[in-house]
C-alpha cells in the first residue's frame, strides 16, 4: 500500500511502450 514505484511493473511498462513505439515507428507510414 506504499507509494513506492514497483520496478518490475515500471520495467514491464517501459519495455511494452518501447516495443510498441519501436514497432509503430518502424512501420512505414505510406
Protein backbone atom coordinates (compact mmCIF):
# COMPACT_ATOMS: atom_id res chain seq x y z
CA UNK A 1 0.00 0.00 0.00
CA UNK A 2 3.06 2.26 -0.04
CA UNK A 3 3.61 4.87 -2.72
CA UNK A 4 6.89 3.32 -3.86
CA UNK A 5 7.38 2.65 -7.56
CA UNK A 6 7.24 -1.07 -8.38
CA UNK A 7 10.36 -1.54 -10.50
CA UNK A 8 9.03 -4.72 -12.08
CA UNK A 9 5.83 -3.04 -13.22
CA UNK A 10 7.72 0.05 -14.39
CA UNK A 11 10.23 -2.03 -16.32
CA UNK A 12 7.43 -4.05 -17.89
CA UNK A 13 5.55 -0.89 -18.87
CA UNK A 14 8.68 0.73 -20.27
CA UNK A 15 9.51 -2.44 -22.20
CA UNK A 16 5.99 -2.66 -23.60
CA UNK A 17 5.97 1.02 -24.54
CA UNK A 18 9.43 0.73 -26.08
CA UNK A 19 8.44 -2.30 -28.16
CA UNK A 20 5.14 -0.73 -29.20
CA UNK A 21 6.80 2.58 -30.06
CA UNK A 22 9.60 0.87 -31.97
CA UNK A 23 7.17 -1.26 -33.97
CA UNK A 24 4.96 1.77 -34.58
CA UNK A 25 7.91 3.92 -35.69
CA UNK A 26 9.44 1.13 -37.78
CA UNK A 27 6.15 0.71 -39.64
CA UNK A 28 6.27 2.55 -42.98
CA UNK A 29 3.69 5.36 -42.95
CA UNK A 30 2.72 5.05 -46.59
